[in-house]
Amino acid sequence: MSQKSIILFSIIFIALIVGMFTYAYLKRAEVAEPALKVPVVATSTDYAITRIDGKHFFKDGVHTIVGEISLPTPCDLLTTSAKVAESMPEQVTFEFVVLNNSEVCAQVVTTARFKESATASKDASLQATFMGEPIELNLVEAEEGETPESFELYIKG
């Protein structure tokens, strides 16, 4: 075989390989997987929550609040966190945020339970925010023998 034939055959072979990879890349881009949906954070106006009712437990320097919130759909996911401001006495802010990553969901009122703890002194002031907005935190002190894992919440008015 002449050297020209070998060079021509090599160029055709390389062009064929490059063409296959280009075709595979274009097909993969065409049939790309749908992007993962990032949960959308709703705004406080999407929910008519101005007060959160719950039970307050204090044991061994830890404040724990438990309770329930009614959310408009079962697709809503309630997340909670606690922040402690270092002052005397400390100020504990319990933050409630609702995430919803569905485009369409049945409008069925669903109860979401929460349990959140924060380490602070017994005299700490407790407050809450819902979707970044300050709200009323209506807490009932737990009865003797009750635990945060097995609470029942009966609040009148």
C-alpha atoms as a PDB file:
ATOM      1  CA  MET A   1       0.000   0.000   0.000  1.00  0.00           C
ATOM      2  CA  SER A   2       1.267   3.385  -0.882  1.00  0.00           C
ATOM      3  CA  GLN A   3       1.840   6.080   1.664  1.00  0.00           C
ATOM      4  CA  LYS A   4      -0.876   8.282   0.082  1.00  0.00           C
ATOM      5  CA  SER A   5      -3.429   5.508   0.524  1.00  0.00           C
ATOM      6  CA  ILE A   6      -2.522   5.044   4.200  1.00  0.00           C
ATOM      7  CA  ILE A   7      -2.795   8.804   4.873  1.00  0.00           C
ATOM      8  CA  LEU A   8      -6.146   8.978   3.018  1.00  0.00           C
ATOM      9  CA  PHE A   9      -7.470   5.946   4.917  1.00  0.00           C
ATOM     10  CA  SER A  10      -6.328   7.472   8.278  1.00  0.00           C
ATOM     11  CA  ILE A  11      -8.004  10.816   7.507  1.00  0.00           C
ATOM     12  CA  ILE A  12     -11.258   9.077   6.531  1.00  0.00           C
ATOM     13  CA  PHE A  13     -11.110   6.920   9.698  1.00  0.00           C
ATOM     14  CA  ILE A  14     -10.494   9.966  11.959  1.00  0.00           C
ATOM     15  CA  ALA A  15     -13.310  11.906  10.222  1.00  0.00           C
ATOM     16  CA  LEU A  16     -15.630   8.921  10.763  1.00  0.00           C
ATOM     17  CA  ILE A  17     -14.778   8.760  14.504  1.00  0.00           C
ATOM     18  CA  VAL A  18     -15.202  12.544  14.946  1.00  0.00           C
ATOM     19  CA  GLY A  19     -18.510  12.356  13.082  1.00  0.00           C
ATOM     20  CA  MET A  20     -19.776   9.572  15.375  1.00  0.00           C
ATOM     21  CA  PHE A  21     -18.887  11.528  18.511  1.00  0.00           C
ATOM     22  CA  THR A  22     -20.498  14.696  17.113  1.00  0.00           C
ATOM     23  CA  TYR A  23     -23.675  12.794  16.224  1.00  0.00           C
ATOM     24  CA  ALA A  24     -23.844  11.216  19.708  1.00  0.00           C
ATOM     25  CA  TYR A  25     -23.312  14.608  21.371  1.00  0.00           C
ATOM     26  CA  LEU A  26     -26.062  16.269  19.320  1.00  0.00           C
ATOM     27  CA  LYS A  27     -28.528  13.431  20.017  1.00  0.00           C
ATOM     28  CA  ARG A  28     -27.788  13.551  23.740  1.00  0.00           C
ATOM     29  CA  ALA A  29     -28.392  17.319  23.810  1.00  0.00           C
ATOM     30  CA  GLU A  30     -31.659  16.758  21.936  1.00  0.00           C
ATOM     31  CA  VAL A  31     -32.910  14.188  24.445  1.00  0.00           C
ATOM     32  CA  ALA A  32     -31.416  15.838  27.514  1.00  0.00           C
ATOM     33  CA  GLU A  33     -32.877  14.865  30.838  1.00  0.00           C
ATOM     34  CA  PRO A  34     -35.212  17.470  32.260  1.00  0.00           C
ATOM     35  CA  ALA A  35     -33.377  19.665  34.706  1.00  0.00           C
ATOM     36  CA  LEU A  36     -33.941  18.886  38.351  1.00  0.00           C
ATOM     37  CA  LYS A  37     -36.549  21.198  39.759  1.00  0.00           C
ATOM     38  CA  VAL A  38     -35.290  23.528  42.418  1.00  0.00           C
ATOM     39  CA  PRO A  39     -37.855  23.936  45.186  1.00  0.00           C
ATOM     40  CA  VAL A  40     -39.594  27.280  44.887  1.00  0.00           C
ATOM     41  CA  VAL A  41     -39.852  29.285  48.067  1.00  0.00           C
ATOM     42  CA  ALA A  42     -43.296  30.779  48.357  1.00  0.00           C
ATOM     43  CA  THR A  43     -43.958  34.190  49.872  1.00  0.00           C
ATOM     44  CA  SER A  44     -45.709  34.893  53.147  1.00  0.00           C
ATOM     45  CA  THR A  45     -48.739  36.243  51.275  1.00  0.00           C
ATOM     46  CA  ASP A  46     -49.351  32.778  49.780  1.00  0.00           C
ATOM     47  CA  TYR A  47     -50.283  31.562  53.268  1.00  0.00           C
ATOM     48  CA  ALA A  48     -52.612  33.231  55.736  1.00  0.00           C
ATOM     49  CA  ILE A  49     -50.534  32.330  58.782  1.00  0.00           C
ATOM     50  CA  THR A  50     -50.159  35.081  61.356  1.00  0.00           C
ATOM     51  CA  ARG A  51     -49.857  32.911  64.472  1.00  0.00           C
ATOM     52  CA  ILE A  52     -48.302  29.573  65.263  1.00  0.00           C
ATOM     53  CA  ASP A  53     -49.610  27.516  68.171  1.00  0.00           C
ATOM     54  CA  GLY A  54     -47.425  24.992  69.900  1.00  0.00           C
ATOM     55  CA  LYS A  55     -46.162  23.432  73.089  1.00  0.00           C
ATOM     56  CA  HIS A  56     -42.969  24.528  74.769  1.00  0.00           C
ATOM     57  CA  PHE A  57     -40.609  22.120  76.519  1.00  0.00           C
ATOM     58  CA  PHE A  58     -37.535  23.212  78.484  1.00  0.00           C
ATOM     59  CA  LYS A  59     -35.123  20.599  79.768  1.00  0.00           C
ATOM     60  CA  ASP A  60     -31.383  20.680  80.435  1.00  0.00           C
ATOM     61  CA  GLY A  61     -30.907  24.094  78.803  1.00  0.00           C
ATOM     62  CA  VAL A  62     -32.748  23.180  75.608  1.00  0.00           C
ATOM     63  CA  HIS A  63     -35.955  24.891  74.460  1.00  0.00           C
ATOM     64  CA  THR A  64     -38.068  22.634  72.223  1.00  0.00           C
ATOM     65  CA  ILE A  65     -41.268  23.706  70.518  1.00  0.00           C
ATOM     66  CA  VAL A  66     -43.654  21.309  68.810  1.00  0.00           C
ATOM     67  CA  GLY A  67     -46.923  21.901  67.019  1.00  0.00           C
ATOM     68  CA  GLU A  68     -48.885  21.799  63.815  1.00  0.00           C
ATOM     69  CA  ILE A  69     -49.522  24.211  60.960  1.00  0.00           C
ATOM     70  CA  SER A  70     -52.277  23.860  58.358  1.00  0.00           C
ATOM     71  CA  LEU A  71     -50.920  24.224  54.832  1.00  0.00           C
ATOM     72  CA  PRO A  72     -53.080  24.579  51.692  1.00  0.00           C
ATOM     73  CA  THR A  73     -51.700  21.577  49.772  1.00  0.00           C
ATOM     74  CA  PRO A  74     -50.009  18.259  50.543  1.00  0.00           C
ATOM     75  CA  CYS A  75     -47.163  19.344  48.225  1.00  0.00           C
ATOM     76  CA  ASP A  76     -46.071  22.048  50.688  1.00  0.00           C
ATOM     77  CA  LEU A  77     -43.049  21.072  52.781  1.00  0.00           C
ATOM     78  CA  LEU A  78     -42.545  22.863  56.095  1.00  0.00           C
ATOM     79  CA  THR A  79     -38.946  23.431  57.191  1.00  0.00           C
ATOM     80  CA  THR A  80     -37.915  24.896  60.512  1.00  0.00           C
ATOM     81  CA  SER A  81     -34.748  26.254  62.023  1.00  0.00           C
ATOM     82  CA  ALA A  82     -33.745  28.104  65.176  1.00  0.00           C
ATOM     83  CA  LYS A  83     -31.328  30.980  65.624  1.00  0.00           C
ATOM     84  CA  VAL A  84     -30.040  32.149  68.974  1.00  0.00           C
ATOM     85  CA  ALA A  85     -28.942  35.777  69.340  1.00  0.00           C
ATOM     86  CA  GLU A  86     -26.219  36.064  71.966  1.00  0.00           C
ATOM     87  CA  SER A  87     -27.544  38.602  74.437  1.00  0.00           C
ATOM     88  CA  MET A  88     -28.701  38.459  78.018  1.00  0.00           C
ATOM     89  CA  PRO A  89     -31.158  36.902  78.118  1.00  0.00           C
ATOM     90  CA  GLU A  90     -30.796  35.209  74.741  1.00  0.00           C
ATOM     91  CA  GLN A  91     -33.320  35.792  71.974  1.00  0.00           C
ATOM     92  CA  VAL A  92     -34.359  32.619  70.170  1.00  0.00           C
ATOM     93  CA  THR A  93     -36.030  33.020  66.781  1.00  0.00           C
ATOM     94  CA  PHE A  94     -37.772  29.996  65.312  1.00  0.00           C
ATOM     95  CA  GLU A  95     -37.960  30.321  61.526  1.00  0.00           C
ATOM     96  CA  PHE A  96     -40.661  28.574  59.504  1.00  0.00           C
ATOM     97  CA  VAL A  97     -40.340  28.291  55.723  1.00  0.00           C
ATOM     98  CA  VAL A  98     -42.573  26.447  53.247  1.00  0.00           C
ATOM     99  CA  LEU A  99     -41.094  24.909  50.101  1.00  0.00           C
ATOM    100  CA  ASN A 100     -43.194  23.680  47.200  1.00  0.00           C
ATOM    101  CA  ASN A 101     -41.559  22.039  44.180  1.00  0.00           C
ATOM    102  CA  SER A 102     -44.676  20.993  42.278  1.00  0.00           C
ATOM    103  CA  GLU A 103     -46.338  22.890  39.480  1.00  0.00           C
ATOM    104  CA  VAL A 104     -49.794  21.437  40.041  1.00  0.00           C
ATOM    105  CA  CYS A 105     -51.131  20.104  43.318  1.00  0.00           C
ATOM    106  CA  ALA A 106     -54.574  19.378  44.740  1.00  0.00           C
ATOM    107  CA  GLN A 107     -55.864  22.090  47.040  1.00  0.00           C
ATOM    108  CA  VAL A 108     -56.387  19.945  50.130  1.00  0.00           C
ATOM    109  CA  VAL A 109     -55.629  21.483  53.513  1.00  0.00           C
ATOM    110  CA  THR A 110     -52.881  19.386  55.077  1.00  0.00           C
ATOM    111  CA  THR A 111     -51.474  19.501  58.591  1.00  0.00           C
ATOM    112  CA  ALA A 112     -47.703  19.722  58.914  1.00  0.00           C
ATOM    113  CA  ARG A 113     -46.111  18.947  62.265  1.00  0.00           C
ATOM    114  CA  PHE A 114     -42.936  20.605  63.439  1.00  0.00           C
ATOM    115  CA  LYS A 115     -40.373  20.079  66.180  1.00  0.00           C
ATOM    116  CA  GLU A 116     -37.447  22.443  66.627  1.00  0.00           C
ATOM    117  CA  SER A 117     -34.924  22.881  69.456  1.00  0.00           C
ATOM    118  CA  ALA A 118     -32.467  25.559  70.531  1.00  0.00           C
ATOM    119  CA  THR A 119     -29.988  25.745  73.393  1.00  0.00           C
ATOM    120  CA  ALA A 120     -30.510  28.848  75.522  1.00  0.00           C
ATOM    121  CA  SER A 121     -31.059  29.910  79.132  1.00  0.00           C
ATOM    122  CA  LYS A 122     -34.410  29.415  80.844  1.00  0.00           C
ATOM    123  CA  ASP A 123     -35.156  33.163  80.634  1.00  0.00           C
ATOM    124  CA  ALA A 124     -34.599  33.394  76.857  1.00  0.00           C
ATOM    125  CA  SER A 125     -37.244  35.209  74.845  1.00  0.00           C
ATOM    126  CA  LEU A 126     -38.858  33.108  72.129  1.00  0.00           C
ATOM    127  CA  GLN A 127     -40.165  34.548  68.868  1.00  0.00           C
ATOM    128  CA  ALA A 128     -41.004  33.268  65.399  1.00  0.00           C
ATOM    129  CA  THR A 129     -40.938  34.230  61.737  1.00  0.00           C
ATOM    130  CA  PHE A 130     -42.926  32.681  58.906  1.00  0.00           C
ATOM    131  CA  MET A 131     -41.458  33.109  55.432  1.00  0.00           C
ATOM    132  CA  GLY A 132     -39.237  35.855  56.846  1.00  0.00           C
ATOM    133  CA  GLU A 133     -42.110  37.853  58.374  1.00  0.00           C
ATOM    134  CA  PRO A 134     -42.497  38.137  62.184  1.00  0.00           C
ATOM    135  CA  ILE A 135     -45.555  36.303  63.514  1.00  0.00           C
ATOM    136  CA  GLU A 136     -47.118  35.596  66.886  1.00  0.00           C
ATOM    137  CA  LEU A 137     -45.807  32.512  68.677  1.00  0.00           C
ATOM    138  CA  ASN A 138     -48.531  31.161  70.966  1.00  0.00           C
ATOM    139  CA  LEU A 139     -46.899  28.575  73.226  1.00  0.00           C
ATOM    140  CA  VAL A 140     -48.411  26.467  75.981  1.00  0.00           C
ATOM    141  CA  GLU A 141     -46.046  25.055  78.579  1.00  0.00           C
ATOM    142  CA  ALA A 142     -45.896  21.267  78.532  1.00  0.00           C
ATOM    143  CA  GLU A 143     -47.428  19.303  81.371  1.00  0.00           C
ATOM    144  CA  GLU A 144     -45.280  17.264  83.726  1.00  0.00           C
ATOM    145  CA  GLY A 145     -44.398  13.949  82.088  1.00  0.00           C
ATOM    146  CA  GLU A 146     -45.108  15.064  78.511  1.00  0.00           C
ATOM    147  CA  THR A 147     -42.390  14.643  75.914  1.00  0.00           C
ATOM    148  CA  PRO A 148     -41.892  16.426  72.579  1.00  0.00           C
ATOM    149  CA  GLU A 149     -42.211  13.091  70.755  1.00  0.00           C
ATOM    150  CA  SER A 150     -45.742  12.430  72.006  1.00  0.00           C
ATOM    151  CA  PHE A 151     -47.486  15.773  72.225  1.00  0.00           C
ATOM    152  CA  GLU A 152     -51.141  16.579  71.726  1.00  0.00           C
ATOM    153  CA  LEU A 153     -52.085  20.134  71.010  1.00  0.00           C
ATOM    154  CA  TYR A 154     -55.436  21.448  72.233  1.00  0.00           C
ATOM    155  CA  ILE A 155     -55.496  25.223  72.237  1.00  0.00           C
ATOM    156  CA  LYS A 156     -58.742  27.153  72.542  1.00  0.00           C
ATOM    157  CA  GLY A 157     -59.219  30.591  71.052  1.00  0.00           C
END
